[in-house]
N, C-alpha and C. Protein backbone atom coordinates (compact mmCIF):
# COMPACT_ATOMS: atom_id res chain seq x y z
N UNK A 1 0.88 -1.00 -0.04
CA UNK A 1 -0.07 -0.18 0.38
C UNK A 1 0.79 1.22 -0.05
N UNK A 2 1.78 0.99 0.66
CA UNK A 2 3.11 2.20 0.44
C UNK A 2 3.50 2.64 -0.76
N UNK A 3 3.60 1.80 -1.51
CA UNK A 3 4.11 1.54 -2.90
C UNK A 3 3.10 2.54 -3.70
N UNK A 4 1.64 1.82 -3.67
CA UNK A 4 0.19 2.16 -4.62
C UNK A 4 0.39 3.94 -3.87
N UNK A 5 0.38 4.57 -2.48
CA UNK A 5 0.52 6.11 -2.25
C UNK A 5 1.45 6.31 -3.21
N UNK A 6 2.96 5.66 -3.10
CA UNK A 6 3.85 6.54 -3.50
C UNK A 6 3.97 6.82 -5.12
N UNK A 7 3.27 6.30 -5.29
CA UNK A 7 3.22 5.82 -7.19
C UNK A 7 2.06 7.13 -7.34
N UNK A 8 0.56 7.00 -6.31
CA UNK A 8 -0.45 8.16 -6.90
C UNK A 8 0.13 9.46 -6.60
N UNK A 9 1.30 9.25 -5.43
CA UNK A 9 1.82 11.00 -5.03
C UNK A 9 2.31 11.66 -6.07
N UNK A 10 3.72 10.07 -6.93
CA UNK A 10 4.35 10.45 -7.70
C UNK A 10 3.66 10.98 -8.70
N UNK A 11 2.42 10.06 -9.10
CA UNK A 11 1.65 10.47 -10.56
C UNK A 11 0.62 11.95 -10.21
N UNK A 12 0.18 12.24 -9.46
CA UNK A 12 -0.27 13.83 -8.91
C UNK A 12 0.46 14.78 -9.15
N UNK A 13 1.83 14.74 -8.61
CA UNK A 13 3.04 15.82 -8.84
C UNK A 13 3.31 15.87 -10.00
N UNK A 14 3.24 14.91 -11.06
CA UNK A 14 3.64 14.58 -12.28
C UNK A 14 2.48 15.37 -12.85
N UNK A 15 1.08 15.10 -12.75
CA UNK A 15 0.06 15.70 -13.54
C UNK A 15 0.25 16.86 -12.99
N UNK A 16 0.25 17.27 -12.34
CA UNK A 16 0.30 18.94 -11.69
C UNK A 16 1.16 19.89 -12.12
N UNK A 17 2.27 19.43 -12.66
CA UNK A 17 3.66 19.49 -12.55
C UNK A 17 3.02 20.31 -14.30
N UNK A 18 2.99 19.20 -15.26
CA UNK A 18 2.34 19.14 -16.50
C UNK A 18 1.23 20.22 -16.53
N UNK A 19 0.71 20.43 -15.64
CA UNK A 19 -0.66 20.83 -15.82
C UNK A 19 -0.38 23.10 -15.76
N UNK A 20 0.77 22.92 -14.30
CA UNK A 20 0.91 24.11 -14.26
C UNK A 20 2.22 24.55 -15.00
N UNK A 21 3.36 24.11 -15.46
CA UNK A 21 3.75 24.01 -16.69
C UNK A 21 3.81 25.45 -17.67
N UNK A 22 2.32 25.27 -18.60
CA UNK A 22 2.35 26.23 -19.41
C UNK A 22 1.91 27.66 -18.94
N UNK A 23 1.18 27.13 -17.82
CA UNK A 23 1.18 28.47 -17.08
C UNK A 23 2.30 29.52 -16.63
N UNK A 24 2.79 28.58 -15.68
CA UNK A 24 4.35 29.40 -15.13
C UNK A 24 4.81 29.85 -16.53
N UNK A 25 4.87 29.09 -17.43
CA UNK A 25 5.45 29.30 -18.35
C UNK A 25 5.14 30.56 -18.81
N UNK A 26 4.28 30.84 -19.06
CA UNK A 26 3.47 31.80 -19.94
C UNK A 26 3.62 33.37 -18.53
N UNK A 27 3.38 32.99 -17.85
CA UNK A 27 3.81 34.01 -16.53
C UNK A 27 5.08 34.36 -16.84
N UNK A 28 6.31 33.67 -16.66
CA UNK A 28 7.89 34.25 -16.79
C UNK A 28 7.99 34.83 -18.19
N UNK A 29 7.36 34.46 -19.75
CA UNK A 29 7.11 35.11 -20.74
C UNK A 29 7.04 36.48 -20.61
N UNK A 30 5.50 36.54 -20.19
CA UNK A 30 5.01 37.58 -20.03
C UNK A 30 5.64 38.74 -19.21
N UNK A 31 6.74 38.07 -18.05
CA UNK A 31 7.13 38.99 -17.02
C UNK A 31 8.63 39.50 -17.96
N UNK A 32 8.83 39.00 -18.68
CA UNK A 32 10.49 38.71 -19.74
C UNK A 32 9.87 40.00 -20.89
N UNK A 33 8.46 39.57 -21.44
CA UNK A 33 8.56 40.66 -22.64
C UNK A 33 8.03 41.86 -22.07
N UNK A 34 7.47 41.90 -20.54
CA UNK A 34 7.28 43.20 -20.38
C UNK A 34 8.62 44.14 -19.96
N UNK A 35 9.64 43.90 -19.44
CA UNK A 35 11.08 44.33 -19.00
C UNK A 35 11.28 44.49 -20.09
N UNK A 36 11.18 43.81 -21.54
CA UNK A 36 11.97 44.02 -22.58
C UNK A 36 11.18 45.27 -23.12
N UNK A 37 10.37 45.44 -23.21
CA UNK A 37 9.18 46.85 -23.36
C UNK A 37 10.01 47.72 -22.84
N UNK A 38 9.58 47.95 -21.43
CA UNK A 38 10.42 48.88 -20.74
C UNK A 38 11.44 49.40 -20.91
N UNK A 39 12.50 48.43 -21.15
CA UNK A 39 14.18 48.93 -21.75
C UNK A 39 13.73 49.60 -23.41
N UNK A 40 12.75 48.61 -23.97
CA UNK A 40 12.96 49.67 -25.04
C UNK A 40 12.29 51.17 -25.05
N UNK A 41 11.28 50.82 -24.56
CA UNK A 41 10.75 52.47 -24.13
C UNK A 41 11.48 53.37 -23.52
N UNK A 42 12.10 53.02 -22.67
CA UNK A 42 13.74 53.71 -21.93
C UNK A 42 14.46 54.37 -22.63
N UNK A 43 14.77 53.39 -23.67
CA UNK A 43 15.81 53.36 -24.67
C UNK A 43 15.27 54.43 -25.85
N UNK A 44 14.01 54.60 -25.95
CA UNK A 44 13.41 55.45 -26.88
C UNK A 44 13.56 56.81 -26.54
N UNK A 45 12.92 56.89 -25.22
CA UNK A 45 12.68 58.27 -24.31
C UNK A 45 14.04 58.99 -24.34
N UNK A 46 15.18 57.55 -24.17
CA UNK A 46 16.55 58.65 -24.13
C UNK A 46 16.88 59.11 -25.32
N UNK A 47 16.28 58.62 -26.71
CA UNK A 47 17.08 58.83 -27.87
C UNK A 47 16.78 60.27 -28.15
N UNK A 48 14.89 60.14 -28.04
CA UNK A 48 14.10 61.41 -28.33
C UNK A 48 14.79 63.08 -27.51
N UNK A 49 14.93 62.34 -26.04
CA UNK A 49 15.51 63.22 -25.06
C UNK A 49 16.68 63.80 -25.83
N UNK A 50 18.00 62.99 -26.19
CA UNK A 50 19.02 63.21 -27.23
C UNK A 50 18.89 63.74 -28.47
N UNK A 51 17.77 63.40 -29.43
CA UNK A 51 17.26 64.25 -30.74
C UNK A 51 16.98 65.66 -30.01
N UNK A 52 16.37 66.08 -29.14
CA UNK A 52 15.22 67.09 -28.37
C UNK A 52 16.69 68.38 -28.25
N UNK A 53 17.63 67.46 -27.93
CA UNK A 53 19.03 68.86 -27.39
C UNK A 53 19.81 68.54 -28.65
N UNK A 54 19.72 68.06 -29.10
CA UNK A 54 20.88 68.30 -30.94
C UNK A 54 19.82 69.17 -31.25
N UNK A 55 18.38 69.08 -31.57
CA UNK A 55 17.99 70.31 -32.27
C UNK A 55 17.89 71.14 -31.67
N UNK A 56 17.65 71.77 -30.40
CA UNK A 56 17.76 72.47 -29.37
C UNK A 56 19.24 73.70 -29.86
N UNK A 57 20.04 72.55 -29.78
CA UNK A 57 21.62 73.29 -29.92
C UNK A 57 21.92 74.13 -31.75
N UNK A 58 21.29 72.90 -32.88
CA UNK A 58 21.44 73.35 -33.85
C UNK A 58 20.61 74.79 -33.67
N UNK A 59 19.33 74.56 -33.03
CA UNK A 59 18.51 75.79 -33.31
C UNK A 59 19.46 77.46 -32.80
N UNK A 60 19.44 77.04 -31.45
CA UNK A 60 20.77 78.22 -30.83
C UNK A 60 21.78 78.40 -31.84
N UNK A 61 22.47 77.24 -32.33
CA UNK A 61 23.02 77.95 -33.18
C UNK A 61 22.77 78.23 -34.39
N UNK A 62 21.89 78.40 -35.22
CA UNK A 62 21.57 79.21 -36.07
C UNK A 62 20.81 80.43 -35.64
N UNK A 63 20.66 80.57 -34.98
CA UNK A 63 20.13 81.88 -34.29
C UNK A 63 21.21 82.85 -33.73
N UNK A 64 22.19 82.32 -33.01
CA UNK A 64 23.60 83.28 -32.92
C UNK A 64 24.48 83.37 -34.23
N UNK A 65 24.36 82.35 -35.82
CA UNK A 65 25.03 83.30 -36.56
C UNK A 65 23.86 84.08 -36.91
N UNK A 66 22.62 83.82 -37.00
CA UNK A 66 22.30 85.38 -37.48
C UNK A 66 22.27 86.24 -36.82
N UNK A 67 22.12 86.05 -35.29
CA UNK A 67 22.06 87.46 -34.44
C UNK A 67 23.93 87.95 -34.77
N UNK A 68 25.08 87.39 -34.59
CA UNK A 68 26.01 87.43 -35.23
C UNK A 68 26.38 88.55 -36.12
N UNK A 69 25.81 87.66 -37.33
CA UNK A 69 26.01 88.39 -38.62
C UNK A 69 25.07 89.42 -38.97
N UNK A 70 24.30 89.54 -38.28
CA UNK A 70 22.79 90.79 -38.24
C UNK A 70 23.55 91.97 -37.59
N UNK A 71 24.17 91.64 -36.39
CA UNK A 71 24.74 92.74 -35.53
C UNK A 71 25.84 93.58 -36.07
N UNK A 72 26.67 92.35 -36.61
CA UNK A 72 28.04 92.92 -37.07
C UNK A 72 28.02 93.74 -38.46
N UNK A 73 26.80 93.51 -39.23
CA UNK A 73 26.53 93.95 -40.76
C UNK A 73 25.78 95.23 -40.04
N UNK A 74 25.16 95.70 -39.15
CA UNK A 74 24.65 96.77 -38.82
C UNK A 74 25.56 97.79 -38.40
N UNK A 75 26.47 97.09 -37.60
CA UNK A 75 27.50 98.02 -36.83
C UNK A 75 28.48 98.72 -38.00
N UNK A 76 28.69 98.06 -38.57
CA UNK A 76 29.35 98.33 -40.00
C UNK A 76 28.61 99.42 -40.77
N UNK A 77 27.56 99.32 -41.13
CA UNK A 77 26.75 99.90 -42.01
C UNK A 77 26.59 101.56 -41.26
N UNK A 78 26.18 101.28 -39.50
CA UNK A 78 25.95 102.28 -38.99
C UNK A 78 27.14 103.39 -38.70
N UNK A 79 28.62 102.64 -39.20
CA UNK A 79 30.14 103.16 -38.81
C UNK A 79 29.98 104.10 -40.64
N UNK A 80 29.85 103.12 -41.55
CA UNK A 80 29.94 103.83 -42.45
C UNK A 80 28.79 105.25 -42.92
N UNK A 81 27.60 104.98 -42.48
CA UNK A 81 27.07 106.17 -42.07
C UNK A 81 27.24 107.16 -41.79
N UNK A 82 28.03 106.88 -40.29
CA UNK A 82 28.47 107.71 -39.61
C UNK A 82 29.76 108.83 -40.48
N UNK A 83 30.49 107.98 -41.22
CA UNK A 83 31.17 108.85 -41.74
C UNK A 83 30.94 109.51 -43.12
N UNK A 84 30.07 109.42 -43.36
CA UNK A 84 29.28 109.71 -44.77
C UNK A 84 28.81 110.80 -44.13
N UNK A 85 28.24 111.29 -42.79
CA UNK A 85 27.24 111.99 -42.60
C UNK A 85 28.82 113.10 -42.02
N UNK A 86 29.57 112.72 -41.44
CA UNK A 86 30.93 113.30 -41.10
C UNK A 86 31.73 114.59 -42.20
N UNK A 87 31.37 113.50 -43.61
CA UNK A 87 32.05 114.25 -44.77
C UNK A 87 30.88 114.81 -45.76
N UNK A 88 29.53 115.25 -44.13
CA UNK A 88 28.17 115.78 -45.34
C UNK A 88 27.98 115.39 -46.88
N UNK A 89 28.16 113.65 -46.72
CA UNK A 89 27.90 113.18 -48.08
C UNK A 89 26.91 111.96 -47.64
N UNK A 90 25.97 111.97 -46.51
CA UNK A 90 25.02 110.89 -46.77
C UNK A 90 24.19 111.52 -47.78
N UNK A 91 23.14 110.18 -48.10
CA UNK A 91 22.47 110.45 -49.04
C UNK A 91 21.17 109.37 -48.83
N UNK A 92 20.00 109.30 -49.52
CA UNK A 92 18.98 108.46 -49.15
C UNK A 92 19.12 107.53 -49.13
N UNK A 93 19.58 106.97 -50.01
CA UNK A 93 20.31 105.59 -50.74
C UNK A 93 21.08 104.60 -49.32
N UNK A 94 21.88 105.45 -48.85
CA UNK A 94 22.74 105.71 -47.40
C UNK A 94 21.34 104.95 -46.39
N UNK A 95 20.93 105.99 -46.64
CA UNK A 95 19.99 105.66 -44.89
C UNK A 95 19.25 105.10 -45.35
N UNK A 96 18.65 104.43 -46.34
CA UNK A 96 17.78 102.92 -46.79
C UNK A 96 18.28 101.72 -46.39
N UNK A 97 19.81 101.59 -46.94
CA UNK A 97 20.53 101.31 -46.60
C UNK A 97 20.67 100.69 -45.03
N UNK A 98 21.00 101.53 -44.51
CA UNK A 98 21.10 101.68 -42.77
C UNK A 98 19.83 100.98 -42.02
N UNK A 99 18.58 101.87 -43.02
CA UNK A 99 17.69 101.50 -42.04
C UNK A 99 17.11 99.52 -42.46
N UNK A 100 17.59 99.07 -43.46
CA UNK A 100 17.32 97.63 -44.00
C UNK A 100 18.10 96.89 -42.47
N UNK A 101 19.72 97.14 -43.14
CA UNK A 101 20.29 96.61 -41.56
C UNK A 101 20.09 96.59 -40.21
N UNK A 102 19.34 97.70 -39.81
CA UNK A 102 18.84 98.22 -38.40
C UNK A 102 17.67 96.71 -37.82
N UNK A 103 16.73 97.06 -38.96
CA UNK A 103 15.71 96.17 -39.34
C UNK A 103 15.86 94.73 -39.15
N UNK A 104 17.08 94.11 -40.35
CA UNK A 104 17.77 92.88 -40.01
C UNK A 104 17.79 92.65 -38.56
N UNK A 105 18.90 93.45 -38.18
CA UNK A 105 19.41 93.21 -36.81
C UNK A 105 18.09 92.82 -35.58
N UNK A 106 17.45 94.16 -35.84
CA UNK A 106 16.33 93.90 -34.56
C UNK A 106 15.30 92.43 -34.79
N UNK A 107 15.18 91.78 -36.19
CA UNK A 107 14.52 90.64 -36.56
C UNK A 107 15.47 89.51 -35.61
N UNK A 108 16.96 89.80 -36.21
CA UNK A 108 18.04 88.69 -35.19
C UNK A 108 17.78 88.40 -33.57
N UNK A 109 17.40 89.60 -33.35
CA UNK A 109 17.47 89.87 -31.88
C UNK A 109 16.07 89.60 -31.18
N UNK A 110 14.98 89.43 -31.74
CA UNK A 110 13.77 89.33 -31.48
C UNK A 110 14.03 87.31 -31.39
N UNK A 111 14.40 87.22 -32.53
CA UNK A 111 14.68 85.86 -33.23
C UNK A 111 15.82 85.26 -31.47
N UNK A 112 16.58 86.29 -31.33
CA UNK A 112 17.65 85.17 -30.29
C UNK A 112 16.67 85.61 -28.95
N UNK A 113 15.84 86.33 -28.79
CA UNK A 113 15.26 86.49 -27.59
C UNK A 113 14.53 85.19 -27.43
N UNK A 114 13.89 84.66 -27.92
CA UNK A 114 13.56 83.56 -27.79
C UNK A 114 14.26 81.90 -27.32
N UNK A 115 15.34 82.11 -27.81
CA UNK A 115 16.23 80.80 -28.05
C UNK A 115 17.76 80.82 -26.94
N UNK A 116 17.85 82.17 -27.21
CA UNK A 116 19.22 81.90 -26.44
C UNK A 116 19.35 82.59 -25.07
N UNK A 117 20.20 81.56 -24.39
CA UNK A 117 20.85 81.67 -22.64
C UNK A 117 20.92 82.68 -22.21
N UNK A 118 20.28 82.91 -20.84
CA UNK A 118 20.33 84.07 -20.07
C UNK A 118 21.67 85.00 -20.51
N UNK A 119 22.88 84.66 -20.33
CA UNK A 119 24.23 85.42 -20.68
C UNK A 119 24.25 85.89 -21.92
N UNK A 120 23.84 85.32 -23.02
CA UNK A 120 23.99 85.80 -24.44
C UNK A 120 23.20 86.96 -23.95
N UNK A 121 21.54 86.16 -24.06
CA UNK A 121 20.79 87.75 -23.88
C UNK A 121 21.30 89.16 -23.43
N UNK A 122 21.98 88.71 -22.17
CA UNK A 122 22.14 90.40 -21.25
C UNK A 122 23.54 90.79 -22.65
N UNK A 123 24.04 89.95 -23.28
CA UNK A 123 25.30 90.69 -23.62
C UNK A 123 24.52 91.18 -25.12
N UNK A 124 23.34 90.52 -25.76
CA UNK A 124 22.74 91.34 -26.88
C UNK A 124 21.97 91.92 -26.50
N UNK A 125 21.69 92.38 -25.48
CA UNK A 125 20.78 93.48 -24.99
C UNK A 125 21.59 94.44 -24.47
N UNK A 126 22.97 94.84 -24.07
CA UNK A 126 23.76 95.77 -23.91
C UNK A 126 24.29 96.05 -25.33
N UNK A 127 24.72 95.08 -26.37
CA UNK A 127 25.27 95.46 -27.56
C UNK A 127 24.38 96.24 -28.13
N UNK A 128 22.43 95.92 -28.19
CA UNK A 128 21.38 96.80 -28.78
C UNK A 128 21.54 97.85 -28.38
N UNK A 129 21.40 98.02 -26.64
CA UNK A 129 21.83 99.81 -26.64
C UNK A 129 22.24 100.43 -26.84
N UNK A 130 24.26 99.83 -27.03
CA UNK A 130 25.01 100.93 -27.49
C UNK A 130 24.76 100.70 -28.83
N UNK A 131 24.22 100.37 -29.65
CA UNK A 131 23.99 100.61 -31.33
C UNK A 131 22.55 101.54 -30.64
N UNK A 132 21.97 101.57 -30.55
CA UNK A 132 21.10 102.23 -30.67
C UNK A 132 21.14 103.80 -29.97
N UNK A 133 21.93 103.77 -29.31
CA UNK A 133 22.13 104.97 -28.64
C UNK A 133 23.24 105.74 -29.94
N UNK A 134 24.32 104.56 -30.16
CA UNK A 134 25.00 105.32 -31.43
C UNK A 134 24.12 105.62 -32.90
N UNK A 135 23.05 104.83 -32.86
CA UNK A 135 22.15 105.18 -34.24
C UNK A 135 21.35 106.71 -34.30
N UNK A 136 21.28 106.97 -32.56
CA UNK A 136 20.47 108.36 -32.78
C UNK A 136 21.31 109.13 -32.69
N UNK A 137 22.51 109.43 -31.98
CA UNK A 137 23.30 110.45 -31.97
C UNK A 137 23.96 110.48 -33.16
N UNK A 138 24.11 109.89 -34.24
CA UNK A 138 24.54 110.24 -35.43
C UNK A 138 23.48 110.88 -36.52
N UNK A 139 22.02 110.35 -35.93
CA UNK A 139 21.08 110.95 -36.67
C UNK A 139 21.04 112.28 -36.13
N UNK A 140 21.14 112.28 -34.65
CA UNK A 140 21.15 113.94 -33.83
C UNK A 140 22.30 114.79 -34.93
N UNK A 141 23.42 113.87 -35.15
CA UNK A 141 24.55 114.57 -35.62
C UNK A 141 24.27 115.15 -37.18
N UNK A 142 23.39 114.45 -38.02
CA UNK A 142 23.49 114.81 -39.40
C UNK A 142 22.64 115.63 -39.19
N UNK A 143 21.90 116.00 -38.13
CA UNK A 143 20.69 116.85 -38.39
C UNK A 143 21.33 118.62 -37.53
N UNK A 144 22.29 118.33 -37.27
CA UNK A 144 23.37 119.53 -36.61
C UNK A 144 22.77 119.72 -35.45
N UNK A 145 22.50 119.03 -34.82
CA UNK A 145 22.42 119.50 -33.28
C UNK A 145 22.30 117.86 -32.81
N UNK A 146 23.75 117.74 -32.59
CA UNK A 146 24.32 116.31 -31.76
C UNK A 146 24.14 116.71 -30.16
N UNK A 147 24.14 115.27 -30.01
CA UNK A 147 24.03 115.51 -28.00
C UNK A 147 25.55 115.91 -27.72
N UNK A 148 25.38 116.59 -26.33
CA UNK A 148 26.60 117.55 -25.98
C UNK A 148 27.56 116.03 -25.67
N UNK A 149 28.38 116.78 -25.99
CA UNK A 149 29.78 115.90 -25.58
C UNK A 149 30.09 114.15 -26.46
N UNK A 150 29.44 114.53 -27.84
CA UNK A 150 29.04 113.20 -28.61
C UNK A 150 29.38 113.64 -30.34
N UNK A 151 30.52 114.35 -30.23
CA UNK A 151 31.23 114.59 -31.88
C UNK A 151 31.07 113.31 -32.67
N UNK A 152 31.53 113.69 -33.92
CA UNK A 152 32.14 112.61 -34.91
C UNK A 152 32.78 111.31 -34.26
N UNK A 153 33.91 112.01 -33.72
CA UNK A 153 35.13 111.57 -33.25
C UNK A 153 35.18 110.09 -32.14
N UNK A 154 34.04 110.99 -31.06
CA UNK A 154 33.46 110.06 -29.85
C UNK A 154 31.95 108.76 -30.12
N UNK A 155 31.64 109.04 -31.31
CA UNK A 155 30.52 108.26 -32.00
C UNK A 155 31.15 106.99 -32.27
N UNK A 156 32.09 107.76 -33.46
CA UNK A 156 33.65 106.19 -33.71
C UNK A 156 34.14 105.91 -32.80
N UNK A 157 34.37 106.21 -31.79
CA UNK A 157 35.30 105.72 -30.97
C UNK A 157 34.55 104.14 -29.99
N UNK A 158 33.10 104.88 -29.63
CA UNK A 158 32.23 104.31 -28.81
C UNK A 158 31.84 102.86 -30.04
N UNK A 159 31.73 103.30 -31.48
CA UNK A 159 31.51 101.89 -31.93
C UNK A 159 32.10 101.30 -32.50
N UNK A 160 33.98 101.57 -32.40
CA UNK A 160 34.95 100.99 -32.43
C UNK A 160 35.17 100.27 -31.33
N UNK A 161 35.25 100.47 -30.11
CA UNK A 161 35.13 99.65 -28.77
C UNK A 161 34.36 98.63 -28.75
N UNK A 162 33.14 98.58 -29.72
CA UNK A 162 32.31 97.30 -29.60
C UNK A 162 32.86 95.78 -30.02
N UNK A 163 34.05 96.18 -30.62
CA UNK A 163 34.78 95.00 -30.26
C UNK A 163 34.97 94.13 -29.67
N UNK A 164 35.00 94.73 -28.04
CA UNK A 164 35.36 93.71 -26.92
C UNK A 164 33.93 92.86 -26.89
N UNK A 165 32.82 93.98 -26.74
CA UNK A 165 31.63 93.82 -26.64
C UNK A 165 31.62 92.25 -27.26
N UNK A 166 31.73 92.25 -28.74
CA UNK A 166 31.91 91.25 -29.47
C UNK A 166 32.53 89.74 -29.16
N UNK A 167 33.72 89.99 -28.91
CA UNK A 167 34.63 88.83 -28.49
C UNK A 167 33.75 88.45 -27.04
N UNK A 168 33.28 89.27 -25.83
CA UNK A 168 32.36 88.71 -24.96
C UNK A 168 31.66 87.79 -25.70
N UNK A 169 30.77 88.24 -26.38
CA UNK A 169 29.29 87.67 -26.89
C UNK A 169 29.53 86.67 -27.50
N UNK A 170 30.81 86.54 -28.14
CA UNK A 170 30.73 85.46 -29.14
C UNK A 170 31.33 84.26 -28.36
N UNK A 171 32.05 84.22 -27.24
CA UNK A 171 32.62 83.61 -26.41
C UNK A 171 31.21 82.92 -25.74
N UNK A 172 30.44 83.86 -25.25
CA UNK A 172 29.24 83.64 -24.63
C UNK A 172 28.71 82.50 -25.43
N UNK A 173 28.14 82.55 -26.71
CA UNK A 173 27.38 82.00 -27.85
C UNK A 173 28.18 80.69 -27.88
N UNK A 174 30.00 80.89 -27.80
CA UNK A 174 30.18 79.11 -28.85
C UNK A 174 30.23 78.82 -26.82
N UNK A 175 30.35 79.17 -25.49
CA UNK A 175 29.81 78.10 -24.47
C UNK A 175 29.03 77.63 -24.75
N UNK A 176 27.73 78.23 -24.86
CA UNK A 176 26.65 77.97 -24.54
C UNK A 176 26.13 76.58 -25.73
N UNK A 177 26.64 76.76 -26.49
CA UNK A 177 26.94 75.81 -27.65
C UNK A 177 27.90 74.42 -27.35
N UNK A 178 28.73 74.81 -26.69
CA UNK A 178 29.55 73.33 -25.90
C UNK A 178 30.55 73.55 -26.53
N UNK A 179 30.72 74.96 -27.35
CA UNK A 179 32.15 74.75 -27.90
C UNK A 179 32.97 76.04 -27.29
N UNK A 180 34.95 75.23 -27.25
CA UNK A 180 35.21 76.28 -26.60
C UNK A 180 35.02 77.75 -27.06
N UNK A 181 35.25 78.82 -26.46
CA UNK A 181 35.41 79.86 -26.60
C UNK A 181 35.75 80.65 -27.30
N UNK A 182 36.88 79.79 -27.90
CA UNK A 182 38.37 80.76 -29.04
C UNK A 182 39.17 81.43 -28.44
N UNK A 183 39.89 82.23 -29.30
CA UNK A 183 40.72 83.06 -28.58
C UNK A 183 40.30 84.39 -28.70
N UNK A 184 40.10 85.18 -27.61
CA UNK A 184 40.07 86.44 -27.47
C UNK A 184 40.75 87.49 -27.36
N UNK A 185 41.62 87.18 -27.90
CA UNK A 185 42.89 88.66 -28.41
C UNK A 185 42.71 89.09 -29.84
N UNK A 186 41.75 87.83 -30.27
CA UNK A 186 41.79 88.37 -31.92
C UNK A 186 41.05 89.45 -32.27
N UNK A 187 41.42 90.78 -33.13
CA UNK A 187 40.79 91.59 -33.72
C UNK A 187 39.74 91.38 -34.50
N UNK A 188 37.90 91.46 -33.90
CA UNK A 188 37.01 91.05 -34.55
C UNK A 188 36.55 92.64 -35.36
N UNK A 189 37.17 93.79 -34.97
CA UNK A 189 36.59 94.90 -35.37
C UNK A 189 36.51 95.48 -36.51
């Protein structure tokens, strides 16, 4: 009878194992698939974050290039116009050219306000204020009612000194993009 009970117990265990095996293997497989799906989801999220970061850097880079060239072009055009005013040769076309570059600089500044870092924006604000002041003083000089203490030479000196601001601004832009600031002693004026 002992042998019969042992055989019966063995049979019950074998049948139970046979019946439970598909259920257990299905649970294990579901757990493995869930973990695999979660890993793939985390990898996809990480990839999306990387792509967003790269897109953000690329957008800032394009904005900084536009701002840098717009500000530079406006400064050069303002210096040319100041020289024409000084020589008494300012023309309507020269004034139109100055206004076009001024508007392009303002457009670049507006775009930069949306994507630039705080440090870059502070530098752009300072440069915008300096250029606006030089523009206003140049027009007053042209009208024959210059601001007290702001002669041609003083306005020209102020515009030439913007080279230092340019180097600071360029260094901040490059640092914001993760690029080394580059040479600071190079003349950009």
